[in-house]
Amino acid sequence: MLSIGKLGAATGVKVPTIRYYEQIGLLPEAERSAGNQRLYGPKTQERLGFIRHARELGFPLEAIRELLSLSDRPDIPCAAADEIARRQLAAVNARIERLRALQAELERMIVQCAHGSISDCRVIGVLANHGLCLHGDHGVARAE
């Protein structure tokens, strides 16, 4: 049995994240020692490794919940897991397209810069006037 700190070290997941995953039900509630310390077994370590890998691949928590539910039933067909992976791939492809549009816009701003004074700077001008962008909405969350 591993303490939460040792589980975190073994999986590369921070202790607050482990507690969070337990709180939202992705990990089962931990056993407790006589001193009320959380203790985790190999199955929980394996499950946490699964969650970490899925997060590294960008899967949202709800998709991970679905995948974990499927993995708990090893005899069913994997079509549902395939569909979840397809949705993630579509999301990744959409993100790549948005990033390519951002890349093109930044390259265009830099190339069009006259390298004169700030008053003539294309970068500053485009950032000040979103209407000068080729792509109206870059699809990136903005801090308000």
C-alpha atoms as a PDB file:
ATOM      1  CA  MET A   1       0.000   0.000   0.000  1.00  0.00           C
ATOM      2  CA  LEU A   2       1.211   3.468  -0.906  1.00  0.00           C
ATOM      3  CA  SER A   3       0.676   6.753   0.870  1.00  0.00           C
ATOM      4  CA  ILE A   4      -0.717   9.567  -1.249  1.00  0.00           C
ATOM      5  CA  GLY A   5       2.748  11.133  -1.532  1.00  0.00           C
ATOM      6  CA  LYS A   6       4.308   7.888  -2.712  1.00  0.00           C
ATOM      7  CA  LEU A   7       1.434   7.304  -5.131  1.00  0.00           C
ATOM      8  CA  GLY A   8       1.980  10.782  -6.527  1.00  0.00           C
ATOM      9  CA  ALA A   9       5.713  10.186  -6.897  1.00  0.00           C
ATOM     10  CA  ALA A  10       5.131   6.802  -8.558  1.00  0.00           C
ATOM     11  CA  THR A  11       2.663   8.183 -11.104  1.00  0.00           C
ATOM     12  CA  GLY A  12       3.859  11.760 -11.570  1.00  0.00           C
ATOM     13  CA  VAL A  13       0.525  13.139 -10.360  1.00  0.00           C
ATOM     14  CA  LYS A  14       0.464  15.864  -7.721  1.00  0.00           C
ATOM     15  CA  VAL A  15      -1.168  15.140  -4.373  1.00  0.00           C
ATOM     16  CA  PRO A  16      -3.925  17.803  -4.729  1.00  0.00           C
ATOM     17  CA  THR A  17      -4.815  16.311  -8.125  1.00  0.00           C
ATOM     18  CA  ILE A  18      -5.071  12.823  -6.623  1.00  0.00           C
ATOM     19  CA  ARG A  19      -7.393  14.187  -3.928  1.00  0.00           C
ATOM     20  CA  TYR A  20      -9.441  15.940  -6.620  1.00  0.00           C
ATOM     21  CA  TYR A  21      -9.769  12.777  -8.716  1.00  0.00           C
ATOM     22  CA  GLU A  22     -10.903  10.941  -5.602  1.00  0.00           C
ATOM     23  CA  GLN A  23     -13.388  13.725  -4.772  1.00  0.00           C
ATOM     24  CA  ILE A  24     -14.990  13.630  -8.248  1.00  0.00           C
ATOM     25  CA  GLY A  25     -15.123   9.841  -8.315  1.00  0.00           C
ATOM     26  CA  LEU A  26     -12.451   9.049 -10.905  1.00  0.00           C
ATOM     27  CA  LEU A  27     -10.516   7.246  -8.183  1.00  0.00           C
ATOM     28  CA  PRO A  28     -12.159   5.140  -5.502  1.00  0.00           C
ATOM     29  CA  GLU A  29     -12.114   6.441  -1.957  1.00  0.00           C
ATOM     30  CA  ALA A  30      -8.814   5.489  -0.377  1.00  0.00           C
ATOM     31  CA  GLU A  31      -8.447   3.046   2.451  1.00  0.00           C
ATOM     32  CA  ARG A  32      -7.226   4.611   5.684  1.00  0.00           C
ATOM     33  CA  SER A  33      -4.467   3.601   8.039  1.00  0.00           C
ATOM     34  CA  ALA A  34      -4.916   3.499  11.806  1.00  0.00           C
ATOM     35  CA  GLY A  35      -3.570   7.066  11.790  1.00  0.00           C
ATOM     36  CA  ASN A  36      -6.177   8.066   9.145  1.00  0.00           C
ATOM     37  CA  GLN A  37      -3.553   8.325   6.378  1.00  0.00           C
ATOM     38  CA  ARG A  38      -4.788   7.554   2.856  1.00  0.00           C
ATOM     39  CA  LEU A  39      -3.470   4.250   1.500  1.00  0.00           C
ATOM     40  CA  TYR A  40      -3.592   3.150  -2.129  1.00  0.00           C
ATOM     41  CA  GLY A  41      -3.105  -0.248  -3.697  1.00  0.00           C
ATOM     42  CA  PRO A  42      -1.770  -1.336  -7.080  1.00  0.00           C
ATOM     43  CA  LYS A  43      -5.192  -1.132  -8.806  1.00  0.00           C
ATOM     44  CA  THR A  44      -5.547   2.513  -7.823  1.00  0.00           C
ATOM     45  CA  GLN A  45      -2.000   3.195  -9.003  1.00  0.00           C
ATOM     46  CA  GLU A  46      -2.845   1.577 -12.342  1.00  0.00           C
ATOM     47  CA  ARG A  47      -6.082   3.560 -12.606  1.00  0.00           C
ATOM     48  CA  LEU A  48      -4.262   6.810 -11.808  1.00  0.00           C
ATOM     49  CA  GLY A  49      -1.676   5.994 -14.478  1.00  0.00           C
ATOM     50  CA  PHE A  50      -4.543   5.504 -16.944  1.00  0.00           C
ATOM     51  CA  ILE A  51      -6.039   8.875 -15.990  1.00  0.00           C
ATOM     52  CA  ARG A  52      -2.690  10.643 -16.260  1.00  0.00           C
ATOM     53  CA  HIS A  53      -1.980   9.191 -19.701  1.00  0.00           C
ATOM     54  CA  ALA A  54      -5.479  10.088 -20.920  1.00  0.00           C
ATOM     55  CA  ARG A  55      -4.998  13.660 -19.642  1.00  0.00           C
ATOM     56  CA  GLU A  56      -1.644  13.869 -21.446  1.00  0.00           C
ATOM     57  CA  LEU A  57      -3.511  12.974 -24.632  1.00  0.00           C
ATOM     58  CA  GLY A  58      -5.937  15.810 -23.925  1.00  0.00           C
ATOM     59  CA  PHE A  59      -9.012  13.772 -23.035  1.00  0.00           C
ATOM     60  CA  PRO A  60     -11.494  15.779 -20.965  1.00  0.00           C
ATOM     61  CA  LEU A  61     -12.442  14.397 -17.551  1.00  0.00           C
ATOM     62  CA  GLU A  62     -15.902  13.262 -18.686  1.00  0.00           C
ATOM     63  CA  ALA A  63     -14.382  11.218 -21.523  1.00  0.00           C
ATOM     64  CA  ILE A  64     -11.941   9.697 -19.046  1.00  0.00           C
ATOM     65  CA  ARG A  65     -14.865   8.829 -16.788  1.00  0.00           C
ATOM     66  CA  GLU A  66     -16.546   7.085 -19.732  1.00  0.00           C
ATOM     67  CA  LEU A  67     -13.337   5.231 -20.643  1.00  0.00           C
ATOM     68  CA  LEU A  68     -12.809   4.119 -17.054  1.00  0.00           C
ATOM     69  CA  SER A  69     -16.378   2.866 -16.925  1.00  0.00           C
ATOM     70  CA  LEU A  70     -15.756   0.891 -20.110  1.00  0.00           C
ATOM     71  CA  SER A  71     -12.461  -0.486 -18.794  1.00  0.00           C
ATOM     72  CA  ASP A  72     -14.329  -1.812 -15.758  1.00  0.00           C
ATOM     73  CA  ARG A  73     -16.326  -4.032 -18.164  1.00  0.00           C
ATOM     74  CA  PRO A  74     -13.642  -5.837 -20.209  1.00  0.00           C
ATOM     75  CA  ASP A  75     -16.035  -8.209 -22.020  1.00  0.00           C
ATOM     76  CA  ILE A  76     -18.040  -5.577 -23.923  1.00  0.00           C
ATOM     77  CA  PRO A  77     -17.172  -4.478 -27.489  1.00  0.00           C
ATOM     78  CA  CYS A  78     -14.737  -1.583 -27.778  1.00  0.00           C
ATOM     79  CA  ALA A  79     -16.855   0.476 -30.208  1.00  0.00           C
ATOM     80  CA  ALA A  80     -17.735   2.968 -27.474  1.00  0.00           C
ATOM     81  CA  ALA A  81     -14.050   3.477 -26.607  1.00  0.00           C
ATOM     82  CA  ASP A  82     -13.266   3.923 -30.291  1.00  0.00           C
ATOM     83  CA  GLU A  83     -15.957   6.609 -30.547  1.00  0.00           C
ATOM     84  CA  ILE A  84     -14.547   8.481 -27.554  1.00  0.00           C
ATOM     85  CA  ALA A  85     -11.086   8.383 -29.164  1.00  0.00           C
ATOM     86  CA  ARG A  86     -12.574   9.596 -32.469  1.00  0.00           C
ATOM     87  CA  ARG A  87     -14.192  12.558 -30.679  1.00  0.00           C
ATOM     88  CA  GLN A  88     -10.850  13.405 -29.086  1.00  0.00           C
ATOM     89  CA  LEU A  89      -9.083  13.178 -32.436  1.00  0.00           C
ATOM     90  CA  ALA A  90     -11.674  15.525 -33.960  1.00  0.00           C
ATOM     91  CA  ALA A  91     -11.109  17.989 -31.104  1.00  0.00           C
ATOM     92  CA  VAL A  92      -7.329  17.795 -31.601  1.00  0.00           C
ATOM     93  CA  ASN A  93      -7.701  18.353 -35.358  1.00  0.00           C
ATOM     94  CA  ALA A  94      -9.932  21.371 -34.729  1.00  0.00           C
ATOM     95  CA  ARG A  95      -7.351  22.787 -32.313  1.00  0.00           C
ATOM     96  CA  ILE A  96      -4.590  22.232 -34.874  1.00  0.00           C
ATOM     97  CA  GLU A  97      -6.604  24.136 -37.488  1.00  0.00           C
ATOM     98  CA  ARG A  98      -7.108  27.050 -35.075  1.00  0.00           C
ATOM     99  CA  LEU A  99      -3.394  27.046 -34.289  1.00  0.00           C
ATOM    100  CA  ARG A 100      -2.528  27.054 -37.999  1.00  0.00           C
ATOM    101  CA  ALA A 101      -4.799  30.054 -38.500  1.00  0.00           C
ATOM    102  CA  LEU A 102      -3.091  31.791 -35.584  1.00  0.00           C
ATOM    103  CA  GLN A 103       0.307  30.940 -37.024  1.00  0.00           C
ATOM    104  CA  ALA A 104      -0.646  32.349 -40.420  1.00  0.00           C
ATOM    105  CA  GLU A 105      -1.998  35.542 -38.868  1.00  0.00           C
ATOM    106  CA  LEU A 106       1.133  36.097 -36.785  1.00  0.00           C
ATOM    107  CA  GLU A 107       3.387  35.429 -39.776  1.00  0.00           C
ATOM    108  CA  ARG A 108       1.344  37.857 -41.884  1.00  0.00           C
ATOM    109  CA  MET A 109       1.579  40.558 -39.201  1.00  0.00           C
ATOM    110  CA  ILE A 110       5.349  40.147 -38.969  1.00  0.00           C
ATOM    111  CA  VAL A 111       5.920  40.091 -42.749  1.00  0.00           C
ATOM    112  CA  GLN A 112       3.769  43.208 -43.253  1.00  0.00           C
ATOM    113  CA  CYS A 113       5.652  45.134 -40.592  1.00  0.00           C
ATOM    114  CA  ALA A 114       7.569  48.039 -42.163  1.00  0.00           C
ATOM    115  CA  HIS A 115      10.196  47.907 -39.395  1.00  0.00           C
ATOM    116  CA  GLY A 116       9.757  51.613 -38.850  1.00  0.00           C
ATOM    117  CA  SER A 117       8.389  53.318 -35.773  1.00  0.00           C
ATOM    118  CA  ILE A 118       5.709  51.982 -33.469  1.00  0.00           C
ATOM    119  CA  SER A 119       3.208  54.393 -35.037  1.00  0.00           C
ATOM    120  CA  ASP A 120       3.573  52.435 -38.311  1.00  0.00           C
ATOM    121  CA  CYS A 121       3.972  48.980 -36.762  1.00  0.00           C
ATOM    122  CA  ARG A 122       1.668  46.393 -38.352  1.00  0.00           C
ATOM    123  CA  VAL A 123       1.820  44.141 -35.296  1.00  0.00           C
ATOM    124  CA  ILE A 124       0.558  46.929 -33.032  1.00  0.00           C
ATOM    125  CA  GLY A 125      -2.015  47.991 -35.631  1.00  0.00           C
ATOM    126  CA  VAL A 126      -3.515  44.549 -36.083  1.00  0.00           C
ATOM    127  CA  LEU A 127      -3.622  43.932 -32.365  1.00  0.00           C
ATOM    128  CA  ALA A 128      -5.379  47.265 -31.889  1.00  0.00           C
ATOM    129  CA  ASN A 129      -7.900  46.613 -34.677  1.00  0.00           C
ATOM    130  CA  HIS A 130      -9.199  43.036 -34.842  1.00  0.00           C
ATOM    131  CA  GLY A 131     -10.877  43.891 -38.140  1.00  0.00           C
ATOM    132  CA  LEU A 132      -7.460  43.849 -39.820  1.00  0.00           C
ATOM    133  CA  CYS A 133      -7.081  40.119 -39.108  1.00  0.00           C
ATOM    134  CA  LEU A 134      -7.730  37.695 -41.931  1.00  0.00           C
ATOM    135  CA  HIS A 135      -9.410  35.290 -39.523  1.00  0.00           C
ATOM    136  CA  GLY A 136     -12.197  36.926 -37.572  1.00  0.00           C
ATOM    137  CA  ASP A 137     -12.279  34.604 -34.586  1.00  0.00           C
ATOM    138  CA  HIS A 138      -9.116  32.786 -33.669  1.00  0.00           C
ATOM    139  CA  GLY A 139     -11.018  30.373 -31.428  1.00  0.00           C
ATOM    140  CA  VAL A 140      -8.752  31.029 -28.481  1.00  0.00           C
ATOM    141  CA  ALA A 141     -10.120  31.819 -25.060  1.00  0.00           C
ATOM    142  CA  ARG A 142      -9.296  35.358 -24.097  1.00  0.00           C
ATOM    143  CA  ALA A 143      -8.729  36.604 -20.562  1.00  0.00           C
ATOM    144  CA  GLU A 144     -11.413  39.112 -19.695  1.00  0.00           C
END
